[in-house]
């Protein structure tokens, strides 16, 4: 099953044999749904242009996104969105939920987590994310973000990570940290490894030489060096293993990400 930015998941057969989303149907649904999703800060509307096709326009603070309705319909088709009023409405709402994170949202609600630093998934770094329901969206600083603002946003996000509620499960010499609703938030605990060590001690696990096995968007495993290396070798997923003392030295990431960058300004 494949998760998509249009919500839910599409099975292999549904993606291989998608039913086309008609632009006219998408336009009808958008005219109904977009006003309901708008807020005083989030402005959503259709821009109808004679002979050039309609655009979906999303504006929130400094972020602006313009996407051709036909391109959005093609994307939904490839994602296997059901060509029903309800299916299109749900997909459109999910697409809006995946919109770029604003600088203000990052400053007031951002949390620091670990994420992949490269497409080959060989290195990790710290990233500011903002939670929207069951999503945690990455923040890419806008061009107007200066060094002072950037540092302040990252510092505040690190502080909020201390308060993210996580579940701790001890299985023999291994400790597993997880978040019940948003998996990527499991790494929030790593901003304060000393607190992790204290909680492990309180749970009866002595792990002074703690190593962490990190696979972003998966539970974080903590163990001694030999056991951590074995855990990393047994998993089929990419992971990074390192001693807790190196966590503070990991770089901050700020690559551009978002639901659609074709005409983001």
Protein backbone atom coordinates (compact mmCIF):
# COMPACT_ATOMS: atom_id res chain seq x y z
CA UNK A 1 0.00 0.00 0.00
CA UNK A 2 1.22 3.48 -0.89
CA UNK A 3 0.42 6.59 1.16
CA UNK A 4 -0.28 9.66 -0.98
CA UNK A 5 -0.53 13.40 -0.40
CA UNK A 6 -4.21 13.03 -1.34
CA UNK A 7 -5.01 11.10 1.83
CA UNK A 8 -5.57 7.41 2.55
CA UNK A 9 -3.76 4.87 0.44
CA UNK A 10 -4.04 3.38 -3.00
CA UNK A 11 -3.45 -0.29 -3.69
CA UNK A 12 -1.26 -1.49 -6.53
CA UNK A 13 -4.19 -2.46 -8.79
CA UNK A 14 -5.90 0.87 -8.20
CA UNK A 15 -2.74 2.74 -9.17
CA UNK A 16 -2.06 0.55 -12.22
CA UNK A 17 -5.63 0.89 -13.47
CA UNK A 18 -6.74 4.33 -12.28
CA UNK A 19 -10.05 5.84 -13.30
CA UNK A 20 -9.51 9.31 -14.69
CA UNK A 21 -10.51 12.33 -12.59
CA UNK A 22 -12.45 14.65 -14.89
CA UNK A 23 -11.35 18.29 -14.71
CA UNK A 24 -14.96 19.48 -14.78
CA UNK A 25 -15.81 17.25 -11.81
CA UNK A 26 -12.77 18.48 -9.90
CA UNK A 27 -13.77 22.07 -10.64
CA UNK A 28 -17.28 21.50 -9.30
CA UNK A 29 -15.94 19.93 -6.11
CA UNK A 30 -13.29 22.63 -5.68
CA UNK A 31 -15.87 25.40 -5.92
CA UNK A 32 -17.73 23.75 -3.05
CA UNK A 33 -14.84 22.55 -0.87
CA UNK A 34 -12.23 25.30 -1.09
CA UNK A 35 -14.34 28.04 0.57
CA UNK A 36 -15.09 25.67 3.46
CA UNK A 37 -11.38 24.99 3.99
CA UNK A 38 -10.42 28.66 3.94
CA UNK A 39 -9.57 30.55 7.12
CA UNK A 40 -8.70 34.20 7.80
CA UNK A 41 -5.02 33.36 7.11
CA UNK A 42 -5.49 30.57 4.56
CA UNK A 43 -7.06 31.77 1.33
CA UNK A 44 -8.19 29.22 -1.24
CA UNK A 45 -9.96 29.93 -4.50
CA UNK A 46 -10.25 29.07 -8.17
CA UNK A 47 -8.83 31.49 -10.68
CA UNK A 48 -10.70 31.04 -13.95
CA UNK A 49 -8.85 32.21 -17.06
CA UNK A 50 -10.37 32.36 -20.49
CA UNK A 51 -8.69 29.86 -22.81
CA UNK A 52 -5.87 29.09 -20.35
CA UNK A 53 -7.55 26.71 -17.92
CA UNK A 54 -8.41 27.29 -14.27
CA UNK A 55 -5.88 27.53 -11.46
CA UNK A 56 -6.19 26.51 -7.82
CA UNK A 57 -4.69 29.35 -5.80
CA UNK A 58 -3.50 28.79 -2.22
CA UNK A 59 -2.21 31.72 -0.17
CA UNK A 60 -1.13 31.67 3.45
CA UNK A 61 1.11 34.37 4.92
CA UNK A 62 4.23 34.47 2.71
CA UNK A 63 3.39 31.23 0.90
CA UNK A 64 1.58 31.17 -2.42
CA UNK A 65 0.84 28.15 -4.56
CA UNK A 66 -0.78 28.13 -8.00
CA UNK A 67 -1.56 24.82 -9.68
CA UNK A 68 -3.39 24.19 -12.94
CA UNK A 69 -6.62 22.35 -12.29
CA UNK A 70 -5.83 19.94 -15.13
CA UNK A 71 -2.47 19.05 -13.58
CA UNK A 72 -4.09 18.49 -10.19
CA UNK A 73 -6.65 16.18 -11.83
CA UNK A 74 -3.83 14.22 -13.49
CA UNK A 75 -2.02 13.89 -10.17
CA UNK A 76 -5.17 12.61 -8.48
CA UNK A 77 -5.70 10.13 -11.29
CA UNK A 78 -2.17 8.75 -10.94
CA UNK A 79 -2.65 8.49 -7.17
CA UNK A 80 -5.77 6.36 -7.63
CA UNK A 81 -8.23 8.84 -6.12
CA UNK A 82 -11.81 7.52 -6.50
CA UNK A 83 -13.63 9.60 -9.17
CA UNK A 84 -16.58 10.28 -6.86
CA UNK A 85 -17.67 13.53 -5.24
CA UNK A 86 -16.64 12.24 -1.82
CA UNK A 87 -13.34 10.81 -3.07
CA UNK A 88 -12.35 14.03 -4.84
CA UNK A 89 -13.43 16.17 -1.87
CA UNK A 90 -11.36 14.08 0.55
CA UNK A 91 -8.36 14.19 -1.79
CA UNK A 92 -8.62 17.96 -2.17
CA UNK A 93 -8.81 18.43 1.61
CA UNK A 94 -5.75 16.21 2.04
CA UNK A 95 -3.87 18.16 -0.63
CA UNK A 96 -4.56 21.40 1.23
CA UNK A 97 -3.41 19.79 4.49
CA UNK A 98 -0.07 19.00 2.79
CA UNK A 99 0.49 22.67 1.87
CA UNK A 100 3.85 24.31 2.65
CA UNK A 101 4.48 25.32 6.26
CA UNK A 102 4.61 29.06 6.84
CA UNK A 103 7.39 30.78 8.75
CA UNK A 104 4.90 31.88 11.40
CA UNK A 105 3.59 28.35 11.93
CA UNK A 106 7.13 27.02 12.27
CA UNK A 107 7.98 29.74 14.79
CA UNK A 108 4.93 29.11 16.97
CA UNK A 109 4.34 25.35 16.62
CA UNK A 110 7.46 23.78 15.11
CA UNK A 111 9.05 20.68 16.61
CA UNK A 112 12.58 19.39 15.98
CA UNK A 113 12.87 15.84 14.62
CA UNK A 114 15.40 13.81 12.66
CA UNK A 115 14.85 13.27 8.95
CA UNK A 116 16.78 11.98 5.98
CA UNK A 117 19.34 14.44 4.65
CA UNK A 118 19.57 12.86 1.19
CA UNK A 119 17.48 10.87 -1.24
CA UNK A 120 19.77 7.85 -0.89
CA UNK A 121 18.90 7.72 2.84
CA UNK A 122 22.47 7.51 4.09
CA UNK A 123 22.58 10.54 6.38
CA UNK A 124 20.23 12.26 8.83
CA UNK A 125 19.83 15.74 10.26
CA UNK A 126 17.52 17.91 12.32
CA UNK A 127 14.43 19.40 10.72
CA UNK A 128 11.60 21.60 11.97
CA UNK A 129 8.16 20.09 11.35
CA UNK A 130 4.67 21.33 12.13
CA UNK A 131 1.91 18.94 13.04
CA UNK A 132 -1.43 19.08 11.25
CA UNK A 133 -3.63 16.30 12.61
CA UNK A 134 -1.92 13.02 11.76
CA UNK A 135 0.63 14.77 9.54
CA UNK A 136 3.96 16.36 10.41
CA UNK A 137 4.98 18.70 7.59
CA UNK A 138 8.57 19.94 7.11
CA UNK A 139 9.36 23.63 7.20
CA UNK A 140 11.51 25.19 4.51
CA UNK A 141 12.50 28.74 5.49
CA UNK A 142 11.26 31.37 3.08
CA UNK A 143 13.62 33.78 1.34
CA UNK A 144 12.73 36.47 3.87
CA UNK A 145 13.96 34.40 6.84
CA UNK A 146 17.14 35.94 8.25
CA UNK A 147 19.76 34.18 10.39
CA UNK A 148 18.32 35.45 13.67
CA UNK A 149 14.81 34.25 12.85
CA UNK A 150 16.13 30.92 11.63
CA UNK A 151 18.07 30.35 14.84
CA UNK A 152 15.11 31.39 16.98
CA UNK A 153 12.69 29.07 15.18
CA UNK A 154 15.05 26.11 15.51
CA UNK A 155 15.71 26.84 19.18
CA UNK A 156 11.99 27.08 19.96
CA UNK A 157 11.30 23.86 18.03
CA UNK A 158 14.00 22.07 20.03
CA UNK A 159 12.38 23.23 23.24
CA UNK A 160 8.96 21.96 22.17
CA UNK A 161 10.43 18.55 21.36
CA UNK A 162 11.01 18.04 25.10
CA UNK A 163 7.24 18.07 25.59
CA UNK A 164 6.25 15.63 22.83
CA UNK A 165 4.59 12.63 24.58
CA UNK A 166 6.26 9.38 23.56
CA UNK A 167 5.74 5.75 24.48
CA UNK A 168 8.68 3.80 25.86
CA UNK A 169 8.77 0.02 25.50
CA UNK A 170 11.62 -2.05 26.91
CA UNK A 171 12.33 -5.41 25.32
CA UNK A 172 15.28 -7.02 27.08
CA UNK A 173 18.36 -4.85 26.43
CA UNK A 174 16.54 -2.73 23.82
CA UNK A 175 14.42 0.37 24.38
CA UNK A 176 11.93 1.49 21.74
CA UNK A 177 10.53 5.04 21.57
CA UNK A 178 7.43 5.70 19.48
CA UNK A 179 4.62 8.19 18.92
CA UNK A 180 1.11 6.78 18.75
CA UNK A 181 -0.24 9.05 16.01
CA UNK A 182 2.63 10.67 14.06
CA UNK A 183 5.58 8.26 13.63
CA UNK A 184 8.15 10.90 12.65
CA UNK A 185 7.74 12.54 16.08
CA UNK A 186 9.41 9.52 17.71
CA UNK A 187 12.80 11.16 17.13
CA UNK A 188 11.79 14.26 19.08
CA UNK A 189 13.12 12.60 22.24
CA UNK A 190 16.62 12.65 20.79
CA UNK A 191 16.98 16.40 21.36
CA UNK A 192 17.56 15.54 25.04
CA UNK A 193 19.45 12.21 25.21
CA UNK A 194 20.34 12.80 28.86
CA UNK A 195 16.63 12.79 29.71
CA UNK A 196 16.24 9.60 27.70
CA UNK A 197 19.03 7.98 29.69
CA UNK A 198 17.41 9.00 32.96
CA UNK A 199 14.06 7.58 31.90
CA UNK A 200 15.78 4.34 30.87
CA UNK A 201 17.50 4.18 34.26
CA UNK A 202 14.14 4.68 35.97
CA UNK A 203 12.81 1.77 33.87
CA UNK A 204 15.65 -0.44 35.16
CA UNK A 205 17.82 -0.35 32.02
CA UNK A 206 21.47 0.66 32.44
CA UNK A 207 22.65 2.15 29.14
CA UNK A 208 25.49 4.60 29.78
CA UNK A 209 26.99 3.87 26.34
CA UNK A 210 23.66 4.26 24.55
CA UNK A 211 23.59 4.01 20.76
CA UNK A 212 20.51 4.91 18.76
CA UNK A 213 19.24 3.26 15.59
CA UNK A 214 17.32 5.89 13.63
CA UNK A 215 15.00 5.27 10.70
CA UNK A 216 12.97 8.46 10.25
CA UNK A 217 9.21 7.85 10.55
CA UNK A 218 9.83 4.65 12.52
CA UNK A 219 10.26 3.95 16.25
CA UNK A 220 13.70 4.78 17.62
CA UNK A 221 15.70 1.86 19.03
CA UNK A 222 18.26 2.38 21.80
CA UNK A 223 20.75 -0.23 22.94
CA UNK A 224 24.41 -0.84 23.70
CA UNK A 225 26.81 -0.55 20.74
CA UNK A 226 26.99 -4.26 19.85
CA UNK A 227 23.24 -4.82 20.08
CA UNK A 228 22.49 -1.60 18.19
CA UNK A 229 24.81 -2.70 15.37
CA UNK A 230 23.08 -6.06 15.24
CA UNK A 231 19.63 -4.45 15.11
CA UNK A 232 20.73 -2.21 12.23
CA UNK A 233 22.12 -5.20 10.37
CA UNK A 234 18.92 -7.20 10.75
CA UNK A 235 16.51 -4.58 9.39
CA UNK A 236 15.77 -4.31 5.67
CA UNK A 237 15.12 -0.57 5.96
CA UNK A 238 17.78 2.10 5.73
CA UNK A 239 18.94 3.35 9.13
CA UNK A 240 21.69 5.33 10.81
CA UNK A 241 23.35 4.13 14.02
CA UNK A 242 25.32 6.50 16.21
CA UNK A 243 26.22 7.08 19.88
CA UNK A 244 23.96 9.46 21.77
CA UNK A 245 26.84 11.94 22.22
CA UNK A 246 26.86 12.65 18.46
CA UNK A 247 23.21 13.66 18.23
CA UNK A 248 23.94 17.29 19.05
CA UNK A 249 26.45 17.46 16.19
CA UNK A 250 23.99 16.49 13.46
CA UNK A 251 23.31 19.31 10.97
CA UNK A 252 20.07 21.20 10.49
CA UNK A 253 18.22 20.56 7.24
CA UNK A 254 16.29 23.20 5.35
CA UNK A 255 15.79 21.84 1.84
CA UNK A 256 12.68 22.98 -0.01
CA UNK A 257 9.78 20.61 0.39
CA UNK A 258 6.00 20.78 0.06
CA UNK A 259 2.96 19.33 -1.64
CA UNK A 260 3.69 20.95 -5.00
CA UNK A 261 6.54 23.24 -6.04
CA UNK A 262 5.59 23.92 -9.64
CA UNK A 263 4.44 27.48 -8.99
CA UNK A 264 5.23 28.11 -5.34
CA UNK A 265 6.33 31.64 -4.57
